[in-house]
Amino acid sequence: MITRILVGVGALALAGYLASPAHAQETFHGYECTDGCSGHEAGYDWAARNDFTDERDCDGDSQSFNEGCQAYVEEQSDDAARNSQPDDQDDDKDSDE
């Protein structure tokens, strides 16, 4: 009887641990934050204020600050790549006319 109780309590404890989101790792634009994301946010904001386009500009003393800066640069690069792609849908419409 005691064995069943211990097994049941252990199973409930394990299920609670696995279901708990309290241990989830917080991220900032794909970079893992260790203690909140304030360092990442500061680096991102700094890069935005200075309109950085090159990751080599992200060379501070803090890894989280640098990763935030890099996140901004990567986002700008991704936006530029999306904006430079031709819009093929308009070409299809013109060929039907």
N, C-alpha and C. Protein backbone atom coordinates (compact mmCIF):
# COMPACT_ATOMS: atom_id res chain seq x y z
N MET A 1 0.82 -1.20 0.00
CA MET A 1 0.00 0.00 0.00
C MET A 1 0.87 1.26 0.00
N ILE A 2 1.88 1.30 0.82
CA ILE A 2 2.75 2.47 0.90
C ILE A 2 3.52 2.63 -0.42
N THR A 3 3.89 1.52 -1.03
CA THR A 3 4.60 1.57 -2.31
C THR A 3 3.74 2.23 -3.37
N ARG A 4 2.46 1.91 -3.40
CA ARG A 4 1.55 2.52 -4.38
C ARG A 4 1.43 4.02 -4.15
N ILE A 5 1.37 4.42 -2.92
CA ILE A 5 1.26 5.86 -2.60
C ILE A 5 2.53 6.58 -3.05
N LEU A 6 3.70 6.00 -2.74
CA LEU A 6 4.95 6.63 -3.13
C LEU A 6 5.08 6.72 -4.65
N VAL A 7 4.69 5.67 -5.34
CA VAL A 7 4.74 5.69 -6.80
C VAL A 7 3.78 6.75 -7.34
N GLY A 8 2.60 6.85 -6.79
CA GLY A 8 1.62 7.83 -7.22
C GLY A 8 2.09 9.25 -6.98
N VAL A 9 2.65 9.51 -5.80
CA VAL A 9 3.17 10.84 -5.48
C VAL A 9 4.33 11.19 -6.40
N GLY A 10 5.21 10.24 -6.65
CA GLY A 10 6.34 10.47 -7.55
C GLY A 10 5.89 10.78 -8.97
N ALA A 11 4.87 10.06 -9.44
CA ALA A 11 4.35 10.30 -10.79
C ALA A 11 3.72 11.68 -10.89
N LEU A 12 2.99 12.09 -9.86
CA LEU A 12 2.39 13.43 -9.86
C LEU A 12 3.44 14.52 -9.83
N ALA A 13 4.48 14.32 -9.04
CA ALA A 13 5.55 15.30 -8.96
C ALA A 13 6.26 15.43 -10.31
N LEU A 14 6.53 14.31 -10.95
CA LEU A 14 7.19 14.32 -12.26
C LEU A 14 6.31 15.00 -13.30
N ALA A 15 5.02 14.69 -13.29
CA ALA A 15 4.10 15.29 -14.25
C ALA A 15 4.03 16.80 -14.04
N GLY A 16 4.00 17.25 -12.81
CA GLY A 16 3.96 18.68 -12.52
C GLY A 16 5.23 19.37 -12.97
N TYR A 17 6.38 18.73 -12.77
CA TYR A 17 7.65 19.30 -13.19
C TYR A 17 7.71 19.43 -14.71
N LEU A 18 7.29 18.40 -15.41
CA LEU A 18 7.35 18.41 -16.87
C LEU A 18 6.36 19.40 -17.48
N ALA A 19 5.23 19.63 -16.81
CA ALA A 19 4.21 20.52 -17.35
C ALA A 19 4.46 21.97 -16.98
N SER A 20 5.35 22.24 -16.07
CA SER A 20 5.57 23.59 -15.56
C SER A 20 6.35 24.45 -16.54
N PRO A 21 5.79 25.59 -16.96
CA PRO A 21 6.52 26.47 -17.87
C PRO A 21 7.53 27.35 -17.15
N ALA A 22 7.63 27.25 -15.82
CA ALA A 22 8.54 28.10 -15.06
C ALA A 22 10.00 27.87 -15.43
N HIS A 23 10.31 26.71 -15.97
CA HIS A 23 11.68 26.40 -16.33
C HIS A 23 11.98 26.70 -17.80
N ALA A 24 11.04 27.29 -18.51
CA ALA A 24 11.23 27.58 -19.92
C ALA A 24 12.27 28.69 -20.08
N GLN A 25 13.13 28.56 -21.05
CA GLN A 25 14.17 29.55 -21.31
C GLN A 25 13.58 30.69 -22.11
N GLU A 26 13.79 31.91 -21.66
CA GLU A 26 13.31 33.09 -22.36
C GLU A 26 14.28 33.41 -23.50
N THR A 27 13.74 33.85 -24.63
CA THR A 27 14.59 34.20 -25.77
C THR A 27 14.29 35.61 -26.26
N PHE A 28 15.23 36.16 -26.98
CA PHE A 28 15.10 37.48 -27.60
C PHE A 28 15.56 37.34 -29.03
N HIS A 29 14.63 37.38 -29.98
CA HIS A 29 14.95 37.24 -31.41
C HIS A 29 15.81 36.00 -31.68
N GLY A 30 15.53 34.91 -30.97
CA GLY A 30 16.25 33.67 -31.18
C GLY A 30 17.46 33.46 -30.29
N TYR A 31 17.88 34.49 -29.57
CA TYR A 31 19.02 34.37 -28.66
C TYR A 31 18.50 34.06 -27.25
N GLU A 32 19.15 33.12 -26.55
CA GLU A 32 18.73 32.74 -25.21
C GLU A 32 19.15 33.80 -24.20
N CYS A 33 18.21 34.16 -23.32
CA CYS A 33 18.48 35.11 -22.24
C CYS A 33 18.77 34.31 -20.97
N THR A 34 19.75 34.76 -20.19
CA THR A 34 20.09 34.05 -18.97
C THR A 34 19.35 34.61 -17.76
N ASP A 35 19.21 35.91 -17.66
CA ASP A 35 18.54 36.53 -16.52
C ASP A 35 17.72 37.70 -17.05
N GLY A 36 16.57 37.38 -17.64
CA GLY A 36 15.81 38.42 -18.31
C GLY A 36 16.48 38.74 -19.64
N CYS A 37 15.92 39.65 -20.36
CA CYS A 37 16.48 39.99 -21.68
C CYS A 37 16.87 41.46 -21.76
N SER A 38 17.10 42.09 -20.63
CA SER A 38 17.39 43.52 -20.64
C SER A 38 18.68 43.85 -21.39
N GLY A 39 19.70 43.01 -21.29
CA GLY A 39 20.94 43.25 -22.02
C GLY A 39 20.72 43.16 -23.52
N HIS A 40 19.94 42.18 -23.95
CA HIS A 40 19.62 42.03 -25.36
C HIS A 40 18.83 43.24 -25.87
N GLU A 41 17.85 43.64 -25.07
CA GLU A 41 17.03 44.80 -25.46
C GLU A 41 17.87 46.06 -25.58
N ALA A 42 18.81 46.26 -24.65
CA ALA A 42 19.68 47.44 -24.70
C ALA A 42 20.54 47.42 -25.95
N GLY A 43 21.11 46.26 -26.29
CA GLY A 43 21.93 46.16 -27.50
C GLY A 43 21.12 46.40 -28.77
N TYR A 44 19.91 45.86 -28.80
CA TYR A 44 19.02 46.04 -29.95
C TYR A 44 18.68 47.52 -30.11
N ASP A 45 18.30 48.17 -29.01
CA ASP A 45 17.94 49.59 -29.06
C ASP A 45 19.12 50.46 -29.47
N TRP A 46 20.30 50.13 -28.98
CA TRP A 46 21.51 50.89 -29.31
C TRP A 46 21.80 50.77 -30.80
N ALA A 47 21.69 49.55 -31.34
CA ALA A 47 21.93 49.34 -32.77
C ALA A 47 20.88 50.08 -33.60
N ALA A 48 19.65 50.10 -33.13
CA ALA A 48 18.59 50.81 -33.87
C ALA A 48 18.84 52.32 -33.86
N ARG A 49 19.24 52.84 -32.71
CA ARG A 49 19.53 54.29 -32.64
C ARG A 49 20.68 54.68 -33.55
N ASN A 50 21.63 53.79 -33.72
CA ASN A 50 22.81 54.07 -34.55
C ASN A 50 22.67 53.52 -35.97
N ASP A 51 21.52 52.89 -36.27
CA ASP A 51 21.20 52.34 -37.59
C ASP A 51 22.33 51.46 -38.13
N PHE A 52 22.77 50.51 -37.29
CA PHE A 52 23.84 49.59 -37.69
C PHE A 52 23.33 48.62 -38.76
N THR A 53 24.21 48.31 -39.70
CA THR A 53 23.90 47.33 -40.74
C THR A 53 24.96 46.24 -40.82
N ASP A 54 25.96 46.30 -39.95
CA ASP A 54 27.07 45.35 -39.98
C ASP A 54 27.29 44.79 -38.58
N GLU A 55 27.31 43.46 -38.45
CA GLU A 55 27.49 42.83 -37.15
C GLU A 55 28.83 43.17 -36.51
N ARG A 56 29.80 43.57 -37.31
CA ARG A 56 31.10 43.95 -36.75
C ARG A 56 31.00 45.18 -35.86
N ASP A 57 29.91 45.93 -36.00
CA ASP A 57 29.70 47.09 -35.12
C ASP A 57 29.23 46.67 -33.73
N CYS A 58 28.86 45.42 -33.57
CA CYS A 58 28.34 44.89 -32.30
C CYS A 58 29.50 44.27 -31.51
N ASP A 59 30.34 45.11 -30.95
CA ASP A 59 31.55 44.60 -30.30
C ASP A 59 31.71 45.13 -28.88
N GLY A 60 30.63 45.14 -28.12
CA GLY A 60 30.69 45.59 -26.74
C GLY A 60 31.28 44.54 -25.81
N ASP A 61 31.28 44.84 -24.52
CA ASP A 61 31.85 43.94 -23.52
C ASP A 61 30.87 42.87 -23.04
N SER A 62 29.60 43.01 -23.37
CA SER A 62 28.58 42.08 -22.88
C SER A 62 28.06 41.21 -24.01
N GLN A 63 28.04 39.90 -23.79
CA GLN A 63 27.55 38.98 -24.82
C GLN A 63 26.08 39.25 -25.12
N SER A 64 25.28 39.47 -24.08
CA SER A 64 23.85 39.69 -24.32
C SER A 64 23.62 41.00 -25.07
N PHE A 65 24.38 42.03 -24.75
CA PHE A 65 24.28 43.30 -25.47
C PHE A 65 24.64 43.10 -26.93
N ASN A 66 25.74 42.39 -27.18
CA ASN A 66 26.17 42.13 -28.56
C ASN A 66 25.14 41.32 -29.32
N GLU A 67 24.53 40.32 -28.66
CA GLU A 67 23.52 39.51 -29.33
C GLU A 67 22.28 40.34 -29.67
N GLY A 68 21.91 41.27 -28.80
CA GLY A 68 20.80 42.17 -29.10
C GLY A 68 21.11 43.05 -30.30
N CYS A 69 22.32 43.55 -30.34
CA CYS A 69 22.78 44.35 -31.48
C CYS A 69 22.75 43.52 -32.76
N GLN A 70 23.26 42.29 -32.68
CA GLN A 70 23.26 41.40 -33.84
C GLN A 70 21.84 41.08 -34.29
N ALA A 71 20.93 40.95 -33.35
CA ALA A 71 19.54 40.68 -33.71
C ALA A 71 18.97 41.81 -34.55
N TYR A 72 19.30 43.04 -34.19
CA TYR A 72 18.83 44.19 -34.97
C TYR A 72 19.43 44.16 -36.38
N VAL A 73 20.72 43.93 -36.47
CA VAL A 73 21.40 43.90 -37.78
C VAL A 73 20.81 42.78 -38.65
N GLU A 74 20.59 41.61 -38.06
CA GLU A 74 20.01 40.49 -38.81
C GLU A 74 18.61 40.83 -39.29
N GLU A 75 17.83 41.47 -38.44
CA GLU A 75 16.46 41.85 -38.81
C GLU A 75 16.47 42.84 -39.97
N GLN A 76 17.39 43.80 -39.94
CA GLN A 76 17.48 44.77 -41.03
C GLN A 76 17.90 44.10 -42.32
N SER A 77 18.81 43.15 -42.22
CA SER A 77 19.27 42.41 -43.40
C SER A 77 18.14 41.58 -43.99
N ASP A 78 17.36 40.93 -43.13
CA ASP A 78 16.22 40.13 -43.59
C ASP A 78 15.18 41.01 -44.26
N ASP A 79 14.91 42.18 -43.68
CA ASP A 79 13.93 43.11 -44.27
C ASP A 79 14.41 43.60 -45.64
N ALA A 80 15.69 43.92 -45.74
CA ALA A 80 16.23 44.39 -47.01
C ALA A 80 16.14 43.31 -48.08
N ALA A 81 16.41 42.06 -47.69
CA ALA A 81 16.34 40.96 -48.65
C ALA A 81 14.90 40.75 -49.13
N ARG A 82 13.94 40.86 -48.21
CA ARG A 82 12.53 40.70 -48.60
C ARG A 82 12.09 41.82 -49.52
N ASN A 83 12.54 43.03 -49.26
CA ASN A 83 12.13 44.18 -50.06
C ASN A 83 12.78 44.20 -51.43
N SER A 84 13.89 43.49 -51.60
CA SER A 84 14.58 43.51 -52.89
C SER A 84 14.11 42.40 -53.83
N GLN A 85 13.29 41.48 -53.33
CA GLN A 85 12.80 40.40 -54.18
C GLN A 85 11.69 40.92 -55.08
N PRO A 86 11.72 40.54 -56.37
CA PRO A 86 10.68 40.99 -57.29
C PRO A 86 9.33 40.37 -56.93
N ASP A 87 8.30 41.08 -57.22
CA ASP A 87 6.94 40.61 -56.95
C ASP A 87 6.43 39.90 -58.19
N ASP A 88 6.53 38.58 -58.22
CA ASP A 88 6.14 37.79 -59.39
C ASP A 88 4.64 37.76 -59.60
N GLN A 89 3.88 38.03 -58.57
CA GLN A 89 2.42 37.96 -58.72
C GLN A 89 1.92 39.02 -59.70
N ASP A 90 2.50 40.20 -59.68
CA ASP A 90 2.06 41.24 -60.61
C ASP A 90 2.38 40.86 -62.06
N ASP A 91 3.51 40.17 -62.27
CA ASP A 91 3.87 39.74 -63.61
C ASP A 91 2.85 38.75 -64.17
N ASP A 92 2.33 37.87 -63.31
CA ASP A 92 1.34 36.90 -63.73
C ASP A 92 0.05 37.59 -64.17
N LYS A 93 -0.33 38.63 -63.46
CA LYS A 93 -1.56 39.34 -63.80
C LYS A 93 -1.43 40.05 -65.13
N ASP A 94 -0.25 40.61 -65.39
CA ASP A 94 -0.05 41.34 -66.63
C ASP A 94 -0.08 40.40 -67.85
N SER A 95 0.39 39.17 -67.69
CA SER A 95 0.43 38.26 -68.82
C SER A 95 -0.94 37.76 -69.21
N ASP A 96 -1.93 37.87 -68.31
CA ASP A 96 -3.28 37.41 -68.63
C ASP A 96 -4.06 38.44 -69.44
N GLU A 97 -3.59 39.66 -69.45
CA GLU A 97 -4.36 40.72 -70.12
C GLU A 97 -4.14 40.76 -71.60
